[in-house]
């Protein structure tokens, strides 16, 4: 049986995030994968088909739905990952498999990699959709993430700032690419993910008064800026 996680998103101001960071101290710990400053940069290359099905499903709130993306961290090609994010009834599941740089560059160009290992089942599925539904790279999404984790409930809290987009999908692996902010100045995104339950101590802190869950999709917003 597939295991899904709860996922909630909130639109926050810089000030609200700063207050949350202080209130969370001692209750959660920084993700060990983050840098010395507790932050890492995420860059994702999203795919969609000839009909822009993923974009339209986001717009209409289709349930269930799924999206393919390639992800790198801190502009490094050392670890390149293909991910499939599945969503159903406010719960999400992420499947992933590693890619070689050669495979990534082939996919960036809309091609099918010649060498695919037996373990890369996710890549095989993407390639099938590229053949049958003309799925191709559509947009780059980049942002700075401050992540926190808590073992109780397997909670993960992330604060995503400077969310930007680019339609230069051919430059995905370059260190510097042209980017365009997609949120108003001072607006950021808070995400809360957990398995079966959210510890009460964290729940209380994440209710600062004005925050309300929002159906926010970085992919959707970044695509709308480049249509």
N, C-alpha and C. Protein backbone atom coordinates (compact mmCIF):
# COMPACT_ATOMS: atom_id res chain seq x y z
N UNK A 1 0.84 -1.20 0.00
CA UNK A 1 0.00 0.00 0.00
C UNK A 1 0.88 1.25 0.00
N UNK A 2 0.52 2.23 -0.85
CA UNK A 2 1.31 3.45 -0.94
C UNK A 2 1.14 4.30 0.32
N UNK A 3 2.25 4.89 0.79
CA UNK A 3 2.22 5.71 1.99
C UNK A 3 2.24 7.18 1.60
N UNK A 4 1.20 7.91 2.03
CA UNK A 4 1.10 9.34 1.74
C UNK A 4 1.27 10.15 3.01
N UNK A 5 1.74 11.41 2.86
CA UNK A 5 1.95 12.31 3.99
C UNK A 5 1.01 13.51 3.88
N UNK A 6 0.63 14.02 5.05
CA UNK A 6 -0.13 15.27 5.08
C UNK A 6 0.79 16.41 4.65
N UNK A 7 0.22 17.36 3.93
CA UNK A 7 1.01 18.52 3.50
C UNK A 7 0.13 19.76 3.51
N UNK A 8 0.57 20.79 4.23
CA UNK A 8 -0.15 22.06 4.28
C UNK A 8 0.81 23.20 3.95
N UNK A 9 0.28 24.19 3.23
CA UNK A 9 1.09 25.33 2.82
C UNK A 9 0.44 26.62 3.30
N UNK A 10 1.31 27.59 3.64
CA UNK A 10 0.83 28.88 4.14
C UNK A 10 1.61 30.00 3.45
N UNK A 11 0.90 31.06 3.10
CA UNK A 11 1.54 32.26 2.57
C UNK A 11 1.89 33.16 3.75
N UNK A 12 3.18 33.50 3.89
CA UNK A 12 3.65 34.25 5.06
C UNK A 12 4.43 35.49 4.65
N UNK A 13 4.52 36.41 5.58
CA UNK A 13 5.38 37.57 5.39
C UNK A 13 6.76 37.27 5.97
N UNK A 14 7.74 38.10 5.63
CA UNK A 14 9.08 37.93 6.20
C UNK A 14 9.02 37.98 7.73
N UNK A 15 8.22 38.89 8.26
CA UNK A 15 8.12 39.03 9.70
C UNK A 15 7.53 37.80 10.37
N UNK A 16 6.51 37.22 9.76
CA UNK A 16 5.88 36.02 10.33
C UNK A 16 6.85 34.85 10.34
N UNK A 17 7.65 34.71 9.27
CA UNK A 17 8.64 33.63 9.25
C UNK A 17 9.70 33.84 10.33
N UNK A 18 10.12 35.09 10.52
CA UNK A 18 11.13 35.38 11.53
C UNK A 18 10.62 35.01 12.93
N UNK A 19 9.36 35.31 13.21
CA UNK A 19 8.76 34.97 14.50
C UNK A 19 8.69 33.46 14.67
N UNK A 20 8.29 32.75 13.61
CA UNK A 20 8.19 31.29 13.68
C UNK A 20 9.55 30.64 13.94
N UNK A 21 10.58 31.16 13.31
CA UNK A 21 11.92 30.61 13.52
C UNK A 21 12.31 30.69 14.99
N UNK A 22 12.00 31.80 15.65
CA UNK A 22 12.32 31.96 17.07
C UNK A 22 11.48 31.01 17.91
N UNK A 23 10.19 30.89 17.61
CA UNK A 23 9.29 30.07 18.43
C UNK A 23 9.58 28.58 18.26
N UNK A 24 10.14 28.18 17.13
CA UNK A 24 10.42 26.76 16.89
C UNK A 24 11.73 26.30 17.51
N UNK A 25 12.56 27.23 17.93
CA UNK A 25 13.85 26.86 18.52
C UNK A 25 13.63 25.98 19.75
N UNK A 26 14.38 24.87 19.80
CA UNK A 26 14.27 23.94 20.91
C UNK A 26 13.25 22.85 20.70
N UNK A 27 12.31 23.06 19.76
CA UNK A 27 11.29 22.05 19.48
C UNK A 27 11.62 21.23 18.25
N UNK A 28 12.24 21.85 17.27
CA UNK A 28 12.65 21.15 16.05
C UNK A 28 14.12 21.47 15.81
N UNK A 29 14.76 20.68 14.98
CA UNK A 29 16.18 20.91 14.69
C UNK A 29 16.37 21.17 13.21
N UNK A 30 17.39 21.92 12.85
CA UNK A 30 17.65 22.17 11.42
C UNK A 30 17.94 20.86 10.70
N UNK A 31 17.50 20.76 9.47
CA UNK A 31 17.80 19.59 8.65
C UNK A 31 19.31 19.48 8.50
N UNK A 32 19.91 18.31 8.80
CA UNK A 32 21.36 18.17 8.70
C UNK A 32 21.90 18.33 7.29
N UNK A 33 21.03 18.24 6.28
CA UNK A 33 21.49 18.39 4.90
C UNK A 33 21.65 19.87 4.50
N UNK A 34 21.15 20.78 5.34
CA UNK A 34 21.28 22.20 5.03
C UNK A 34 22.71 22.66 5.29
N UNK A 35 23.06 23.82 4.76
CA UNK A 35 24.41 24.35 4.94
C UNK A 35 24.62 24.91 6.33
N UNK A 36 25.78 25.53 6.52
CA UNK A 36 26.12 26.08 7.83
C UNK A 36 25.13 27.16 8.27
N UNK A 37 24.51 27.84 7.31
CA UNK A 37 23.53 28.88 7.64
C UNK A 37 22.11 28.32 7.74
N UNK A 38 21.98 26.97 7.62
CA UNK A 38 20.68 26.34 7.74
C UNK A 38 19.83 26.42 6.49
N UNK A 39 20.43 26.84 5.37
CA UNK A 39 19.69 27.06 4.12
C UNK A 39 20.34 26.29 2.98
N UNK A 40 19.53 25.80 2.05
CA UNK A 40 20.07 25.33 0.78
C UNK A 40 19.16 25.78 -0.35
N UNK A 41 19.72 25.88 -1.54
CA UNK A 41 18.97 26.32 -2.70
C UNK A 41 18.47 25.11 -3.47
N UNK A 42 17.22 25.17 -3.86
CA UNK A 42 16.59 24.11 -4.64
C UNK A 42 16.28 24.65 -6.03
N UNK A 43 16.61 23.88 -7.04
CA UNK A 43 16.23 24.21 -8.41
C UNK A 43 15.57 22.98 -9.03
N UNK A 44 14.36 23.17 -9.57
CA UNK A 44 13.61 22.06 -10.15
C UNK A 44 13.22 22.38 -11.58
N UNK A 45 13.29 21.36 -12.42
CA UNK A 45 12.87 21.46 -13.82
C UNK A 45 11.59 20.64 -13.97
N UNK A 46 10.48 21.31 -14.23
CA UNK A 46 9.18 20.63 -14.31
C UNK A 46 8.82 20.28 -15.75
N UNK A 47 8.12 19.14 -15.87
CA UNK A 47 7.67 18.65 -17.17
C UNK A 47 6.15 18.76 -17.27
N UNK A 48 5.67 18.92 -18.49
CA UNK A 48 4.23 18.85 -18.76
C UNK A 48 4.05 18.33 -20.17
N UNK A 49 2.83 17.88 -20.48
CA UNK A 49 2.60 17.27 -21.78
C UNK A 49 2.11 18.29 -22.81
N UNK A 50 1.79 17.81 -23.99
CA UNK A 50 1.38 18.66 -25.10
C UNK A 50 0.16 19.50 -24.75
N UNK A 51 -0.71 18.95 -23.90
CA UNK A 51 -1.97 19.62 -23.54
C UNK A 51 -1.84 20.47 -22.26
N UNK A 52 -0.64 20.55 -21.69
CA UNK A 52 -0.45 21.25 -20.42
C UNK A 52 -1.38 20.70 -19.34
N UNK A 53 -1.46 19.38 -19.29
CA UNK A 53 -2.39 18.72 -18.37
C UNK A 53 -2.09 19.05 -16.91
N UNK A 54 -0.80 19.04 -16.53
CA UNK A 54 -0.44 19.32 -15.13
C UNK A 54 -0.86 20.73 -14.74
N UNK A 55 -0.64 21.68 -15.63
CA UNK A 55 -1.02 23.07 -15.36
C UNK A 55 -2.52 23.18 -15.19
N UNK A 56 -3.29 22.56 -16.07
CA UNK A 56 -4.75 22.65 -16.01
C UNK A 56 -5.30 21.90 -14.81
N UNK A 57 -4.68 20.78 -14.44
CA UNK A 57 -5.13 20.05 -13.26
C UNK A 57 -4.91 20.85 -11.99
N UNK A 58 -3.78 21.57 -11.92
CA UNK A 58 -3.54 22.47 -10.78
C UNK A 58 -4.60 23.56 -10.72
N UNK A 59 -4.92 24.11 -11.87
CA UNK A 59 -5.87 25.22 -11.94
C UNK A 59 -7.26 24.79 -11.52
N UNK A 60 -7.65 23.58 -11.91
CA UNK A 60 -9.00 23.10 -11.61
C UNK A 60 -9.08 22.32 -10.30
N UNK A 61 -7.92 22.03 -9.69
CA UNK A 61 -7.93 21.28 -8.43
C UNK A 61 -8.21 19.80 -8.62
N UNK A 62 -7.83 19.25 -9.75
CA UNK A 62 -8.06 17.83 -10.03
C UNK A 62 -7.44 16.97 -8.94
N UNK A 63 -8.15 15.93 -8.55
CA UNK A 63 -7.70 15.05 -7.47
C UNK A 63 -8.04 13.61 -7.86
N UNK A 64 -7.04 12.73 -7.97
CA UNK A 64 -5.61 12.91 -7.72
C UNK A 64 -4.90 13.53 -8.93
N UNK A 65 -3.64 13.93 -8.70
CA UNK A 65 -2.82 14.44 -9.78
C UNK A 65 -1.35 14.18 -9.46
N UNK A 66 -0.49 14.33 -10.48
CA UNK A 66 0.93 14.08 -10.27
C UNK A 66 1.77 14.93 -11.21
N UNK A 67 3.03 15.16 -10.81
CA UNK A 67 3.95 15.97 -11.61
C UNK A 67 5.34 15.36 -11.58
N UNK A 68 6.02 15.42 -12.72
CA UNK A 68 7.42 15.01 -12.83
C UNK A 68 8.32 16.24 -12.76
N UNK A 69 9.47 16.08 -12.08
CA UNK A 69 10.46 17.16 -12.04
C UNK A 69 11.85 16.55 -11.84
N UNK A 70 12.85 17.30 -12.30
CA UNK A 70 14.25 16.97 -11.99
C UNK A 70 14.73 18.00 -11.00
N UNK A 71 15.47 17.57 -9.99
CA UNK A 71 15.86 18.49 -8.91
C UNK A 71 17.36 18.41 -8.63
N UNK A 72 17.95 19.59 -8.41
CA UNK A 72 19.34 19.68 -7.96
C UNK A 72 19.39 20.63 -6.77
N UNK A 73 20.50 20.56 -6.01
CA UNK A 73 20.65 21.38 -4.82
C UNK A 73 21.92 22.22 -4.91
N UNK A 74 21.79 23.48 -4.52
CA UNK A 74 22.92 24.41 -4.47
C UNK A 74 23.67 24.49 -5.81
N UNK A 75 22.93 24.39 -6.90
CA UNK A 75 23.48 24.54 -8.26
C UNK A 75 24.52 23.46 -8.57
N UNK A 76 24.52 22.36 -7.85
CA UNK A 76 25.51 21.30 -8.05
C UNK A 76 24.93 20.16 -8.89
N UNK A 77 25.78 19.60 -9.77
CA UNK A 77 25.36 18.45 -10.57
C UNK A 77 25.80 17.13 -9.94
N UNK A 78 26.30 17.19 -8.70
CA UNK A 78 26.77 15.98 -8.03
C UNK A 78 25.63 15.00 -7.78
N UNK A 79 24.48 15.53 -7.37
CA UNK A 79 23.30 14.68 -7.13
C UNK A 79 22.13 15.24 -7.93
N UNK A 80 21.73 14.53 -8.96
CA UNK A 80 20.61 14.93 -9.81
C UNK A 80 19.52 13.88 -9.62
N UNK A 81 18.32 14.32 -9.30
CA UNK A 81 17.25 13.39 -8.95
C UNK A 81 16.00 13.64 -9.79
N UNK A 82 15.44 12.57 -10.33
CA UNK A 82 14.14 12.64 -10.98
C UNK A 82 13.09 12.30 -9.93
N UNK A 83 12.06 13.14 -9.82
CA UNK A 83 11.02 12.93 -8.81
C UNK A 83 9.63 12.92 -9.45
N UNK A 84 8.76 12.13 -8.87
CA UNK A 84 7.35 12.14 -9.23
C UNK A 84 6.58 12.47 -7.96
N UNK A 85 5.90 13.60 -7.96
CA UNK A 85 5.11 14.00 -6.79
C UNK A 85 3.64 13.71 -7.08
N UNK A 86 3.05 12.89 -6.21
CA UNK A 86 1.66 12.49 -6.36
C UNK A 86 0.85 13.13 -5.24
N UNK A 87 -0.34 13.63 -5.57
CA UNK A 87 -1.18 14.28 -4.56
C UNK A 87 -2.60 13.74 -4.63
N UNK A 88 -3.15 13.44 -3.46
CA UNK A 88 -4.53 12.98 -3.38
C UNK A 88 -5.11 13.40 -2.02
N UNK A 89 -6.22 14.12 -2.05
CA UNK A 89 -6.93 14.56 -0.84
C UNK A 89 -5.99 15.20 0.19
N UNK A 90 -5.25 16.20 -0.24
CA UNK A 90 -4.33 16.97 0.63
C UNK A 90 -3.18 16.14 1.17
N UNK A 91 -2.97 14.95 0.67
CA UNK A 91 -1.83 14.14 1.06
C UNK A 91 -0.91 13.96 -0.14
N UNK A 92 0.38 13.83 0.13
CA UNK A 92 1.34 13.72 -0.96
C UNK A 92 2.27 12.52 -0.78
N UNK A 93 2.82 12.08 -1.88
CA UNK A 93 3.84 11.03 -1.87
C UNK A 93 4.86 11.37 -2.93
N UNK A 94 6.13 11.22 -2.59
CA UNK A 94 7.20 11.54 -3.53
C UNK A 94 8.02 10.30 -3.83
N UNK A 95 8.13 9.97 -5.12
CA UNK A 95 8.98 8.88 -5.58
C UNK A 95 10.17 9.50 -6.29
N UNK A 96 11.33 8.85 -6.22
CA UNK A 96 12.52 9.43 -6.83
C UNK A 96 13.49 8.38 -7.31
N UNK A 97 14.34 8.78 -8.23
CA UNK A 97 15.45 7.94 -8.68
C UNK A 97 16.58 8.84 -9.16
N UNK A 98 17.83 8.43 -8.99
CA UNK A 98 18.96 9.26 -9.41
C UNK A 98 19.11 9.28 -10.93
N UNK A 99 19.64 10.39 -11.43
CA UNK A 99 19.95 10.52 -12.86
C UNK A 99 21.43 10.82 -13.02
N UNK A 100 22.00 10.38 -14.12
CA UNK A 100 23.35 10.82 -14.46
C UNK A 100 23.23 12.19 -15.13
N UNK A 101 24.34 12.92 -15.18
CA UNK A 101 24.31 14.22 -15.84
C UNK A 101 23.97 14.07 -17.32
N UNK A 102 24.47 13.02 -17.93
CA UNK A 102 24.17 12.79 -19.36
C UNK A 102 22.68 12.55 -19.56
N UNK A 103 22.07 11.74 -18.70
CA UNK A 103 20.63 11.50 -18.81
C UNK A 103 19.85 12.81 -18.62
N UNK A 104 20.28 13.60 -17.66
CA UNK A 104 19.60 14.87 -17.39
C UNK A 104 19.67 15.80 -18.59
N UNK A 105 20.84 15.92 -19.18
CA UNK A 105 20.99 16.82 -20.33
C UNK A 105 20.16 16.33 -21.52
N UNK A 106 20.04 15.04 -21.69
CA UNK A 106 19.20 14.50 -22.76
C UNK A 106 17.73 14.84 -22.52
N UNK A 107 17.27 14.69 -21.28
CA UNK A 107 15.89 15.03 -20.94
C UNK A 107 15.64 16.52 -21.08
N UNK A 108 16.63 17.34 -20.70
CA UNK A 108 16.49 18.79 -20.85
C UNK A 108 16.23 19.18 -22.30
N UNK A 109 16.82 18.44 -23.21
CA UNK A 109 16.67 18.73 -24.64
C UNK A 109 15.43 18.06 -25.24
N UNK A 110 14.63 17.41 -24.37
CA UNK A 110 13.42 16.75 -24.86
C UNK A 110 13.67 15.38 -25.45
N UNK A 111 14.87 14.82 -25.22
CA UNK A 111 15.21 13.51 -25.77
C UNK A 111 15.03 12.39 -24.77
N UNK A 112 15.15 11.15 -25.28
CA UNK A 112 15.04 9.94 -24.46
C UNK A 112 16.44 9.38 -24.22
N UNK A 113 16.88 9.24 -22.98
CA UNK A 113 18.21 8.68 -22.71
C UNK A 113 18.37 7.30 -23.32
N UNK A 114 19.56 7.02 -23.86
CA UNK A 114 19.80 5.72 -24.48
C UNK A 114 20.02 4.63 -23.44
N UNK A 115 20.68 4.98 -22.35
CA UNK A 115 20.98 4.01 -21.32
C UNK A 115 20.10 4.26 -20.09
N UNK A 116 19.23 3.30 -19.78
CA UNK A 116 18.37 3.37 -18.60
C UNK A 116 18.50 2.06 -17.84
N UNK A 117 18.86 2.13 -16.57
CA UNK A 117 19.05 0.91 -15.78
C UNK A 117 17.71 0.33 -15.35
N UNK A 118 17.72 -0.92 -14.94
CA UNK A 118 16.51 -1.59 -14.49
C UNK A 118 15.92 -0.92 -13.25
N UNK A 119 16.78 -0.32 -12.44
CA UNK A 119 16.32 0.32 -11.21
C UNK A 119 15.62 1.66 -11.47
N UNK A 120 15.82 2.22 -12.65
CA UNK A 120 15.26 3.54 -12.95
C UNK A 120 13.85 3.44 -13.52
N UNK A 121 12.97 2.82 -12.75
CA UNK A 121 11.59 2.62 -13.21
C UNK A 121 10.86 3.95 -13.40
N UNK A 122 11.17 4.91 -12.57
CA UNK A 122 10.54 6.22 -12.69
C UNK A 122 10.94 6.89 -14.00
N UNK A 123 12.20 6.75 -14.37
CA UNK A 123 12.68 7.32 -15.62
C UNK A 123 11.99 6.64 -16.80
N UNK A 124 11.79 5.35 -16.70
CA UNK A 124 11.09 4.63 -17.77
C UNK A 124 9.67 5.15 -17.93
N UNK A 125 9.00 5.45 -16.81
CA UNK A 125 7.64 5.98 -16.88
C UNK A 125 7.63 7.35 -17.54
N UNK A 126 8.59 8.22 -17.17
CA UNK A 126 8.66 9.54 -17.79
C UNK A 126 8.90 9.41 -19.29
N UNK A 127 9.81 8.54 -19.68
CA UNK A 127 10.11 8.37 -21.11
C UNK A 127 8.89 7.88 -21.88
N UNK A 128 8.09 7.02 -21.26
CA UNK A 128 6.86 6.56 -21.90
C UNK A 128 5.91 7.73 -22.14
N UNK A 129 5.79 8.61 -21.15
CA UNK A 129 4.92 9.78 -21.30
C UNK A 129 5.48 10.76 -22.32
N UNK A 130 6.80 10.84 -22.43
CA UNK A 130 7.40 11.70 -23.44
C UNK A 130 7.08 11.20 -24.83
N UNK A 131 6.99 9.89 -24.99
CA UNK A 131 6.66 9.31 -26.29
C UNK A 131 5.17 9.39 -26.60
N UNK A 132 4.33 9.13 -25.60
CA UNK A 132 2.89 9.01 -25.84
C UNK A 132 2.12 10.31 -25.64
N UNK A 133 2.60 11.18 -24.77
CA UNK A 133 1.89 12.43 -24.48
C UNK A 133 2.74 13.67 -24.78
N UNK A 134 3.88 13.45 -25.41
CA UNK A 134 4.77 14.54 -25.80
C UNK A 134 5.15 15.41 -24.60
N UNK A 135 5.47 14.76 -23.49
CA UNK A 135 5.88 15.49 -22.28
C UNK A 135 7.28 16.04 -22.46
N UNK A 136 7.47 17.31 -22.12
CA UNK A 136 8.76 17.99 -22.29
C UNK A 136 9.00 18.94 -21.11
N UNK A 137 10.24 19.41 -20.93
CA UNK A 137 10.51 20.41 -19.88
C UNK A 137 9.74 21.70 -20.18
N UNK A 138 9.19 22.32 -19.13
CA UNK A 138 8.38 23.53 -19.33
C UNK A 138 8.90 24.75 -18.59
N UNK A 139 9.37 24.57 -17.35
CA UNK A 139 9.77 25.74 -16.56
C UNK A 139 10.72 25.32 -15.45
N UNK A 140 11.56 26.26 -15.03
CA UNK A 140 12.46 26.06 -13.89
C UNK A 140 11.90 26.83 -12.70
N UNK A 141 11.90 26.19 -11.54
CA UNK A 141 11.50 26.82 -10.29
C UNK A 141 12.70 26.79 -9.34
N UNK A 142 13.05 27.94 -8.77
CA UNK A 142 14.20 28.00 -7.86
C UNK A 142 13.84 28.82 -6.62
N UNK A 143 14.38 28.40 -5.47
CA UNK A 143 14.13 29.13 -4.22
C UNK A 143 15.14 28.70 -3.17
N UNK A 144 15.20 29.47 -2.09
CA UNK A 144 16.05 29.16 -0.95
C UNK A 144 15.19 28.55 0.14
N UNK A 145 15.60 27.40 0.65
CA UNK A 145 14.80 26.66 1.64
C UNK A 145 15.51 26.57 2.98
N UNK A 146 14.79 26.91 4.05
CA UNK A 146 15.25 26.71 5.42
C UNK A 146 14.43 25.56 5.99
N UNK A 147 15.03 24.37 6.18
CA UNK A 147 14.25 23.20 6.60
C UNK A 147 14.49 22.82 8.06
N UNK A 148 13.43 22.37 8.72
CA UNK A 148 13.49 21.86 10.08
C UNK A 148 12.82 20.49 10.13
N UNK A 149 13.27 19.64 11.06
CA UNK A 149 12.71 18.30 11.18
C UNK A 149 12.44 17.99 12.65
N UNK A 150 11.47 17.10 12.86
CA UNK A 150 11.13 16.61 14.20
C UNK A 150 10.76 15.14 14.07
N UNK A 151 11.40 14.24 14.85
CA UNK A 151 11.10 12.81 14.72
C UNK A 151 9.68 12.44 15.12
N UNK A 152 9.08 13.19 16.04
CA UNK A 152 7.70 12.91 16.45
C UNK A 152 6.76 13.23 15.29
N UNK A 153 6.08 12.21 14.79
CA UNK A 153 5.20 12.41 13.65
C UNK A 153 5.92 12.54 12.33
N UNK A 154 7.27 12.40 12.37
CA UNK A 154 8.08 12.57 11.17
C UNK A 154 7.75 13.91 10.50
N UNK A 155 7.81 14.97 11.31
CA UNK A 155 7.43 16.31 10.84
C UNK A 155 8.59 16.96 10.09
N UNK A 156 8.24 17.66 9.03
CA UNK A 156 9.20 18.46 8.28
C UNK A 156 8.58 19.82 8.02
N UNK A 157 9.25 20.86 8.47
CA UNK A 157 8.78 22.23 8.28
C UNK A 157 9.79 22.95 7.40
N UNK A 158 9.33 23.53 6.31
CA UNK A 158 10.23 24.22 5.40
C UNK A 158 9.75 25.64 5.15
N UNK A 159 10.69 26.56 5.09
CA UNK A 159 10.41 27.96 4.79
C UNK A 159 11.09 28.30 3.48
N UNK A 160 10.30 28.54 2.44
CA UNK A 160 10.81 28.77 1.09
C UNK A 160 10.75 30.25 0.74
N UNK A 161 11.91 30.82 0.45
CA UNK A 161 12.01 32.25 0.19
C UNK A 161 12.62 32.50 -1.19
N UNK A 162 12.38 33.70 -1.70
CA UNK A 162 12.91 34.11 -3.01
C UNK A 162 12.52 33.13 -4.10
N UNK A 163 11.23 32.79 -4.15
CA UNK A 163 10.73 31.85 -5.17
C UNK A 163 10.75 32.54 -6.53
N UNK A 164 11.45 31.91 -7.48
CA UNK A 164 11.64 32.53 -8.79
C UNK A 164 11.46 31.49 -9.89
N UNK A 165 11.25 31.97 -11.10
CA UNK A 165 11.06 31.07 -12.24
C UNK A 165 11.93 31.48 -13.42
N UNK A 166 12.11 30.54 -14.33
CA UNK A 166 12.83 30.81 -15.58
C UNK A 166 12.29 29.89 -16.66
N UNK A 167 12.16 30.41 -17.86
CA UNK A 167 11.77 29.56 -18.98
C UNK A 167 12.98 29.08 -19.78
N UNK A 168 14.18 29.38 -19.30
CA UNK A 168 15.39 28.92 -19.97
C UNK A 168 15.73 27.50 -19.49
N UNK A 169 14.88 26.57 -19.87
CA UNK A 169 15.06 25.18 -19.42
C UNK A 169 16.37 24.58 -19.93
N UNK A 170 16.92 25.15 -21.00
CA UNK A 170 18.18 24.65 -21.54
C UNK A 170 19.36 24.98 -20.63
N UNK A 171 19.17 25.90 -19.67
CA UNK A 171 20.25 26.32 -18.77
C UNK A 171 20.11 25.70 -17.38
N UNK A 172 19.28 24.70 -17.24
CA UNK A 172 18.95 24.14 -15.92
C UNK A 172 20.18 23.81 -15.09
N UNK A 173 21.22 23.25 -15.69
CA UNK A 173 22.40 22.81 -14.94
C UNK A 173 23.48 23.89 -14.82
N UNK A 174 23.24 25.06 -15.40
CA UNK A 174 24.22 26.14 -15.28
C UNK A 174 24.15 26.76 -13.88
N UNK A 175 25.27 27.30 -13.42
CA UNK A 175 25.28 27.87 -12.07
C UNK A 175 24.41 29.12 -12.00
N UNK A 176 24.50 29.99 -12.98
CA UNK A 176 23.72 31.22 -13.00
C UNK A 176 22.75 31.20 -14.18
N UNK A 177 21.48 31.47 -13.90
CA UNK A 177 20.47 31.52 -14.96
C UNK A 177 19.58 32.74 -14.72
N UNK A 178 18.94 33.26 -15.77
CA UNK A 178 18.01 34.39 -15.57
C UNK A 178 16.78 33.92 -14.80
N UNK A 179 16.41 34.65 -13.75
CA UNK A 179 15.29 34.28 -12.90
C UNK A 179 14.37 35.47 -12.68
N UNK A 180 13.09 35.16 -12.47
CA UNK A 180 12.09 36.21 -12.23
C UNK A 180 11.30 35.88 -10.97
N UNK A 181 11.27 36.76 -9.98
CA UNK A 181 10.47 36.51 -8.77
C UNK A 181 9.00 36.36 -9.14
N UNK A 182 8.29 35.47 -8.42
CA UNK A 182 6.88 35.22 -8.75
C UNK A 182 5.94 35.61 -7.61
N UNK A 183 6.47 36.04 -6.48
CA UNK A 183 5.64 36.52 -5.38
C UNK A 183 5.94 37.98 -5.12
N UNK A 184 4.99 38.66 -4.50
CA UNK A 184 5.21 40.06 -4.14
C UNK A 184 6.34 40.16 -3.12
N UNK A 185 7.02 41.29 -3.09
CA UNK A 185 8.13 41.48 -2.16
C UNK A 185 7.67 41.23 -0.73
N UNK A 186 8.46 40.44 0.01
CA UNK A 186 8.14 40.15 1.40
C UNK A 186 7.22 38.97 1.62
N UNK A 187 6.78 38.31 0.54
CA UNK A 187 5.93 37.12 0.67
C UNK A 187 6.75 35.85 0.48
N UNK A 188 6.54 34.89 1.35
CA UNK A 188 7.25 33.61 1.30
C UNK A 188 6.25 32.48 1.56
N UNK A 189 6.75 31.24 1.46
CA UNK A 189 5.87 30.08 1.64
C UNK A 189 6.37 29.20 2.77
N UNK A 190 5.47 28.86 3.67
CA UNK A 190 5.74 27.91 4.75
C UNK A 190 5.03 26.61 4.42
N UNK A 191 5.76 25.47 4.49
CA UNK A 191 5.16 24.17 4.25
C UNK A 191 5.35 23.28 5.48
N UNK A 192 4.31 22.53 5.82
CA UNK A 192 4.34 21.62 6.96
C UNK A 192 3.92 20.24 6.46
N UNK A 193 4.81 19.26 6.66
CA UNK A 193 4.53 17.88 6.23
C UNK A 193 4.68 16.95 7.42
N UNK A 194 3.80 15.96 7.51
CA UNK A 194 3.90 14.98 8.59
C UNK A 194 3.16 13.71 8.19
N UNK A 195 3.43 12.63 8.96
CA UNK A 195 2.81 11.34 8.64
C UNK A 195 1.40 11.25 9.21
N UNK A 196 1.27 10.61 10.39
CA UNK A 196 -0.06 10.38 10.95
C UNK A 196 -0.56 11.52 11.83
N UNK A 197 0.35 12.23 12.48
CA UNK A 197 -0.11 13.28 13.39
C UNK A 197 0.92 14.39 13.47
N UNK A 198 0.43 15.59 13.83
CA UNK A 198 1.28 16.75 14.07
C UNK A 198 1.32 16.99 15.57
N UNK A 199 2.50 16.89 16.21
CA UNK A 199 2.59 17.08 17.66
C UNK A 199 1.92 18.38 18.10
N UNK A 200 1.21 18.32 19.22
CA UNK A 200 0.43 19.45 19.68
C UNK A 200 1.29 20.70 19.92
N UNK A 201 2.52 20.49 20.40
CA UNK A 201 3.39 21.63 20.70
C UNK A 201 3.73 22.39 19.42
N UNK A 202 3.88 21.66 18.30
CA UNK A 202 4.17 22.31 17.03
C UNK A 202 2.91 22.92 16.45
N UNK A 203 1.80 22.22 16.60
CA UNK A 203 0.52 22.74 16.09
C UNK A 203 0.22 24.12 16.67
N UNK A 204 0.43 24.27 17.98
CA UNK A 204 0.14 25.55 18.63
C UNK A 204 1.02 26.67 18.07
N UNK A 205 2.28 26.37 17.83
CA UNK A 205 3.20 27.38 17.33
C UNK A 205 2.85 27.80 15.91
N UNK A 206 2.35 26.87 15.12
CA UNK A 206 2.04 27.16 13.72
C UNK A 206 0.67 27.79 13.54
N UNK A 207 0.08 28.29 14.61
CA UNK A 207 -1.19 28.99 14.53
C UNK A 207 -1.02 30.42 15.03
N UNK A 208 -0.20 31.24 14.34
CA UNK A 208 0.09 32.60 14.82
C UNK A 208 -1.05 33.58 14.63
N UNK A 209 -2.23 33.11 14.21
CA UNK A 209 -3.38 34.00 14.11
C UNK A 209 -3.89 34.21 12.70
N UNK A 210 -3.05 34.75 11.82
CA UNK A 210 -3.52 35.12 10.49
C UNK A 210 -3.24 34.06 9.43
N UNK A 211 -2.39 33.09 9.74
CA UNK A 211 -2.01 32.11 8.73
C UNK A 211 -3.15 31.13 8.45
N UNK A 212 -3.41 30.91 7.19
CA UNK A 212 -4.43 29.96 6.77
C UNK A 212 -3.86 29.08 5.67
N UNK A 213 -4.22 27.81 5.66
CA UNK A 213 -3.72 26.94 4.58
C UNK A 213 -4.12 27.49 3.21
N UNK A 214 -3.22 27.34 2.25
CA UNK A 214 -3.49 27.83 0.90
C UNK A 214 -3.13 26.75 -0.12
N UNK A 215 -3.92 26.67 -1.18
CA UNK A 215 -3.64 25.72 -2.25
C UNK A 215 -2.62 26.37 -3.18
N UNK A 216 -1.35 26.34 -2.78
CA UNK A 216 -0.29 27.02 -3.52
C UNK A 216 0.56 26.01 -4.27
N UNK A 217 0.78 26.26 -5.54
CA UNK A 217 1.65 25.41 -6.35
C UNK A 217 2.75 26.27 -6.97
N UNK A 218 3.99 26.00 -6.60
CA UNK A 218 5.10 26.75 -7.20
C UNK A 218 5.12 26.56 -8.71
N UNK A 219 4.88 25.32 -9.14
CA UNK A 219 4.88 25.04 -10.57
C UNK A 219 3.82 25.88 -11.29
N UNK A 220 2.60 25.87 -10.76
CA UNK A 220 1.51 26.59 -11.41
C UNK A 220 1.81 28.08 -11.53
N UNK A 221 2.25 28.69 -10.43
CA UNK A 221 2.52 30.12 -10.43
C UNK A 221 3.66 30.48 -11.38
N UNK A 222 4.72 29.64 -11.39
CA UNK A 222 5.85 29.92 -12.28
C UNK A 222 5.47 29.74 -13.74
N UNK A 223 4.61 28.78 -14.03
CA UNK A 223 4.15 28.62 -15.42
C UNK A 223 3.32 29.80 -15.85
N UNK A 224 2.45 30.30 -14.98
CA UNK A 224 1.57 31.41 -15.34
C UNK A 224 2.39 32.67 -15.69
N UNK A 225 3.56 32.81 -15.08
CA UNK A 225 4.39 33.98 -15.37
C UNK A 225 5.04 33.90 -16.75
N UNK A 226 5.04 32.71 -17.33
CA UNK A 226 5.75 32.57 -18.62
C UNK A 226 4.84 32.12 -19.75
N UNK A 227 3.53 32.15 -19.54
CA UNK A 227 2.61 31.80 -20.63
C UNK A 227 2.40 33.00 -21.55
